[in-house]
Protein backbone atom coordinates (compact mmCIF):
# COMPACT_ATOMS: atom_id res chain seq x y z
CA UNK A 1 83.09 -164.29 -113.67
CA UNK A 2 81.35 -164.30 -117.08
CA UNK A 3 78.84 -166.89 -115.87
CA UNK A 4 77.98 -164.87 -112.77
CA UNK A 5 77.45 -161.73 -114.85
CA UNK A 6 75.28 -163.73 -117.26
CA UNK A 7 73.11 -165.05 -114.41
CA UNK A 8 72.79 -161.58 -112.87
CA UNK A 9 71.66 -160.16 -116.21
CA UNK A 10 69.07 -162.91 -116.63
CA UNK A 11 67.94 -162.52 -113.02
CA UNK A 12 67.44 -158.76 -112.95
CA UNK A 13 66.39 -158.15 -116.56
CA UNK A 14 63.97 -161.09 -116.54
CA UNK A 15 62.65 -159.87 -113.19
CA UNK A 16 62.32 -156.30 -114.45
CA UNK A 17 60.08 -157.27 -117.35
CA UNK A 18 58.11 -159.57 -115.07
CA UNK A 19 57.37 -156.84 -112.54
CA UNK A 20 57.21 -153.89 -114.97
CA UNK A 21 55.42 -155.44 -117.93
CA UNK A 22 53.62 -158.56 -116.74
CA UNK A 23 52.70 -157.41 -113.24
CA UNK A 24 52.31 -153.63 -113.12
CA UNK A 25 51.15 -153.27 -116.73
CA UNK A 26 49.34 -156.45 -117.80
CA UNK A 27 47.79 -157.35 -114.45
CA UNK A 28 47.22 -153.97 -112.77
CA UNK A 29 47.47 -151.50 -115.66
CA UNK A 30 49.12 -148.84 -113.55
CA UNK A 31 50.34 -147.13 -116.72
CA UNK A 32 49.71 -146.97 -120.43
CA UNK A 33 52.06 -147.25 -123.41
CA UNK A 34 51.87 -147.20 -127.17
CA UNK A 35 51.15 -150.41 -129.08
CA UNK A 36 54.68 -150.30 -130.50
CA UNK A 37 56.21 -150.04 -127.02
CA UNK A 38 53.93 -152.85 -125.84
CA UNK A 39 55.17 -155.12 -128.62
CA UNK A 40 58.76 -154.23 -127.77
CA UNK A 41 58.05 -155.30 -124.18
CA UNK A 42 56.67 -158.62 -125.42
CA UNK A 43 59.88 -159.25 -127.36
CA UNK A 44 62.19 -158.11 -124.55
CA UNK A 45 60.32 -160.28 -122.06
CA UNK A 46 60.99 -163.24 -124.35
CA UNK A 47 64.66 -162.28 -124.74
CA UNK A 48 65.32 -162.05 -121.01
CA UNK A 49 62.98 -164.78 -119.77
CA UNK A 50 63.97 -167.13 -122.58
CA UNK A 51 63.01 -170.69 -121.74
CA UNK A 52 60.88 -169.31 -118.88
CA UNK A 53 58.78 -166.98 -121.06
CA UNK A 54 55.44 -165.98 -119.53
CA UNK A 55 52.57 -164.61 -121.56
CA UNK A 56 51.37 -161.15 -120.49
CA UNK A 57 47.79 -162.36 -120.97
CA UNK A 58 48.19 -165.56 -118.98
CA UNK A 59 50.17 -163.89 -116.20
CA UNK A 60 47.91 -160.84 -116.05
CA UNK A 61 44.69 -162.84 -115.83
CA UNK A 62 46.09 -165.29 -113.29
CA UNK A 63 47.45 -162.51 -111.09
CA UNK A 64 44.08 -160.75 -111.06
CA UNK A 65 42.57 -164.04 -109.90
CA UNK A 66 45.18 -164.21 -107.14
CA UNK A 67 44.09 -160.83 -105.79
CA UNK A 68 40.40 -161.65 -106.07
CA UNK A 69 40.70 -165.06 -104.38
CA UNK A 70 43.81 -164.61 -102.24
CA UNK A 71 44.33 -167.43 -99.73
CA UNK A 72 41.16 -169.26 -100.72
CA UNK A 73 40.76 -172.51 -102.64
CA UNK A 74 40.32 -170.50 -105.85
CA UNK A 75 43.68 -168.75 -105.44
CA UNK A 76 46.02 -169.97 -108.24
CA UNK A 77 48.91 -170.02 -105.75
CA UNK A 78 48.50 -170.06 -101.99
CA UNK A 79 50.69 -171.82 -99.39
CA UNK A 80 47.49 -172.40 -97.39
CA UNK A 81 46.19 -174.91 -99.93
CA UNK A 82 49.36 -176.67 -101.05
CA UNK A 83 51.54 -178.92 -98.93
CA UNK A 84 54.81 -177.71 -100.44
CA UNK A 85 56.13 -175.15 -102.90
CA UNK A 86 56.53 -177.71 -105.71
CA UNK A 87 52.86 -178.72 -105.63
CA UNK A 88 51.87 -175.05 -105.52
CA UNK A 89 53.97 -174.21 -108.57
CA UNK A 90 52.69 -177.25 -110.47
CA UNK A 91 49.11 -176.15 -109.81
CA UNK A 92 50.02 -172.60 -110.82
CA UNK A 93 51.51 -173.90 -114.08
CA UNK A 94 48.36 -175.89 -114.85
CA UNK A 95 46.07 -172.91 -114.21
CA UNK A 96 48.33 -170.62 -116.26
CA UNK A 97 48.23 -173.03 -119.22
CA UNK A 98 44.45 -173.41 -118.93
CA UNK A 99 44.08 -169.62 -119.07
CA UNK A 100 46.42 -169.25 -122.04
CA UNK A 101 44.75 -172.05 -123.97
CA UNK A 102 41.22 -170.83 -123.12
CA UNK A 103 40.35 -174.13 -121.46
CA UNK A 104 38.50 -172.55 -118.53
CA UNK A 105 35.67 -170.04 -118.33
CA UNK A 106 36.78 -166.71 -116.90
CA UNK A 107 34.90 -163.75 -115.51
CA UNK A 108 35.21 -160.74 -117.81
CA UNK A 109 36.75 -158.69 -114.99
CA UNK A 110 39.84 -160.89 -115.16
CA UNK A 111 40.34 -160.63 -118.91
CA UNK A 112 39.33 -156.99 -119.50
CA UNK A 113 42.04 -155.16 -121.46
CA UNK A 114 44.61 -157.86 -120.70
CA UNK A 115 47.31 -157.40 -123.38
CA UNK A 116 47.70 -160.25 -125.81
CA UNK A 117 49.79 -160.86 -128.92
CA UNK A 118 48.54 -164.29 -129.91
CA UNK A 119 50.95 -165.05 -132.75
CA UNK A 120 54.00 -164.00 -130.77
CA UNK A 121 52.84 -165.79 -127.62
CA UNK A 122 52.34 -168.98 -129.61
CA UNK A 123 55.91 -168.75 -130.89
CA UNK A 124 57.54 -167.61 -127.63
CA UNK A 125 55.70 -170.23 -125.57
CA UNK A 126 56.39 -173.08 -127.98
CA UNK A 127 58.50 -176.07 -127.07
CA UNK A 128 60.82 -175.18 -129.93
CA UNK A 129 61.52 -171.74 -128.49
CA UNK A 130 62.06 -173.09 -124.98
CA UNK A 131 64.38 -175.86 -126.18
CA UNK A 132 66.36 -173.39 -128.32
CA UNK A 133 66.91 -171.13 -125.31
CA UNK A 134 67.91 -174.14 -123.24
CA UNK A 135 70.48 -175.14 -125.84
CA UNK A 136 71.80 -171.57 -125.94
CA UNK A 137 72.21 -171.49 -122.14
CA UNK A 138 74.00 -174.84 -122.19
CA UNK A 139 76.33 -173.74 -125.00
CA UNK A 140 77.07 -170.49 -123.18
CA UNK A 141 78.07 -172.42 -120.07
CA UNK A 142 80.14 -174.85 -122.15
CA UNK A 143 82.21 -172.01 -123.61
CA UNK A 144 82.46 -169.71 -120.58
CA UNK A 145 82.26 -171.82 -117.41
CA UNK A 146 85.71 -171.99 -115.83
CA UNK A 147 84.90 -174.11 -112.76
CA UNK A 148 82.61 -177.06 -112.07
CA UNK A 149 80.53 -175.16 -109.49
CA UNK A 150 79.48 -172.60 -112.10
CA UNK A 151 77.41 -175.33 -113.77
CA UNK A 152 75.20 -175.29 -110.69
CA UNK A 153 73.75 -172.05 -112.05
CA UNK A 154 72.53 -173.67 -115.27
CA UNK A 155 69.24 -174.92 -113.74
CA UNK A 156 68.71 -171.39 -112.42
CA UNK A 157 68.86 -170.11 -116.00
CA UNK A 158 66.41 -172.79 -117.11
CA UNK A 159 63.88 -172.04 -114.34
CA UNK A 160 64.43 -168.36 -113.55
CA UNK A 161 60.80 -167.22 -113.77
CA UNK A 162 59.45 -170.09 -111.62
CA UNK A 163 62.15 -169.30 -109.03
CA UNK A 164 60.98 -165.67 -108.97
CA UNK A 165 57.43 -166.93 -108.57
CA UNK A 166 58.33 -169.24 -105.67
CA UNK A 167 60.11 -166.45 -103.79
CA UNK A 168 57.05 -164.18 -103.83
CA UNK A 169 54.09 -166.53 -104.06
CA UNK A 170 55.35 -169.01 -101.46
CA UNK A 171 57.82 -167.26 -99.16
CA UNK A 172 56.09 -163.88 -99.56
CA UNK A 173 53.08 -165.41 -97.84
CA UNK A 174 55.06 -167.17 -95.10
CA UNK A 175 58.14 -165.15 -94.12
CA UNK A 176 58.57 -161.45 -93.41
CA UNK A 177 56.82 -158.54 -91.72
CA UNK A 178 53.54 -156.75 -92.26
CA UNK A 179 52.65 -153.08 -92.39
CA UNK A 180 48.93 -153.77 -92.72
CA UNK A 181 46.64 -156.27 -91.04
CA UNK A 182 44.67 -157.94 -93.79
CA UNK A 183 42.52 -160.99 -94.40
CA UNK A 184 45.40 -162.75 -96.12
CA UNK A 185 48.90 -163.98 -95.36
CA UNK A 186 50.85 -161.51 -97.55
CA UNK A 187 54.14 -160.34 -96.07
CA UNK A 188 56.94 -157.94 -96.95
CA UNK A 189 59.79 -160.36 -97.50
CA UNK A 190 62.76 -157.95 -97.29
CA UNK A 191 63.13 -154.63 -95.42
CA UNK A 192 65.33 -153.47 -98.31
CA UNK A 193 64.45 -155.20 -101.57
CA UNK A 194 67.85 -155.74 -103.17
CA UNK A 195 66.77 -159.06 -104.71
CA UNK A 196 63.28 -158.68 -106.22
CA UNK A 197 63.16 -155.07 -107.49
CA UNK A 198 60.19 -154.12 -105.29
CA UNK A 199 58.22 -157.34 -105.69
CA UNK A 200 59.04 -158.45 -102.15
CA UNK A 201 56.85 -155.70 -100.63
CA UNK A 202 53.95 -158.08 -101.00
CA UNK A 203 51.92 -156.95 -97.99
CA UNK A 204 52.07 -153.35 -99.22
CA UNK A 205 51.02 -154.48 -102.67
CA UNK A 206 48.00 -156.41 -101.43
CA UNK A 207 46.90 -153.34 -99.46
CA UNK A 208 47.30 -150.98 -102.43
CA UNK A 209 47.07 -153.29 -105.42
CA UNK A 210 46.74 -150.56 -108.04
CA UNK A 211 49.67 -148.44 -106.93
CA UNK A 212 52.74 -148.45 -109.15
CA UNK A 213 55.02 -148.09 -106.11
CA UNK A 214 55.14 -151.27 -104.03
CA UNK A 215 57.39 -149.70 -101.39
CA UNK A 216 57.33 -146.35 -99.67
CA UNK A 217 55.30 -147.21 -96.59
CA UNK A 218 58.42 -147.19 -94.42
CA UNK A 219 61.51 -145.11 -95.11
CA UNK A 220 63.65 -148.12 -95.99
CA UNK A 221 61.16 -149.63 -98.44
CA UNK A 222 62.68 -148.57 -101.75
CA UNK A 223 61.11 -149.95 -104.92
CA UNK A 224 63.71 -149.74 -107.73
CA UNK A 225 61.20 -150.59 -110.46
CA UNK A 226 58.99 -147.66 -109.48
CA UNK A 227 61.84 -145.18 -109.93
CA UNK A 228 62.62 -146.64 -113.34
CA UNK A 229 58.94 -146.18 -114.18
CA UNK A 230 59.08 -142.54 -113.07
CA UNK A 231 62.03 -142.01 -115.43
CA UNK A 232 60.20 -143.73 -118.31
CA UNK A 233 57.19 -141.54 -117.55
CA UNK A 234 59.29 -138.38 -117.71
CA UNK A 235 60.76 -139.58 -121.01
CA UNK A 236 57.17 -140.14 -122.24
CA UNK A 237 57.83 -143.80 -122.99
CA UNK A 238 55.00 -144.75 -120.62
CA UNK A 239 52.27 -142.73 -118.93
CA UNK A 240 51.61 -143.46 -115.28
CA UNK A 241 47.97 -143.22 -114.28
CA UNK A 242 47.36 -140.54 -111.62
CA UNK A 243 45.59 -143.10 -109.43
CA UNK A 244 48.69 -145.31 -109.50
CA UNK A 245 51.19 -142.68 -108.37
CA UNK A 246 52.11 -142.62 -104.69
CA UNK A 247 50.84 -139.57 -102.86
């Protein structure tokens, strides 16, 4: 039971900071926050993504490229140009690392105002940090796993963020339904997004990329992250941009 709770915490908290901080803030800037709150989000992203930590700068820039080049050869992750999900994710990893390490020239529109905390990113992305988290996960399982099958969840802890990425970037362009006909393969993966906290409404998101609410087109499309953002806005922790709020 402890292991399942642990995995659920890693899944949903890691996913929350991915969609709230990396996606809706770093990539699309649907809201603003203070520099102190931004730094807290960097740290909390590291805490809950652990060995999977993704830089807000690297993720934000790469995701902007995805929208600009969706389903073309320049798209960092498109099922149309990779034979399987593993080759797609390997290419995505390579492009992400090239962006983070400034090994490729980038158009200013992709890097404009992308949040970056270089010293923290260097630490959080280091092999030492990733190995330390991996050792922590393994020790946690050693002390709390009560059945052999629970160890099957250990690789999930190691690769949580890539698993999230595969679900949306691969399956979200192959499986599901569409609300909007577009010049790309984006789909809404789940009618009710119980698994991805709103991220699965991928077709909606490609239609209205700068909206904070990924759901809401149909009555059953409930985006949990958006409602958390509304609460944070009311508490004045963040400030949603008027253009990002669903009408």
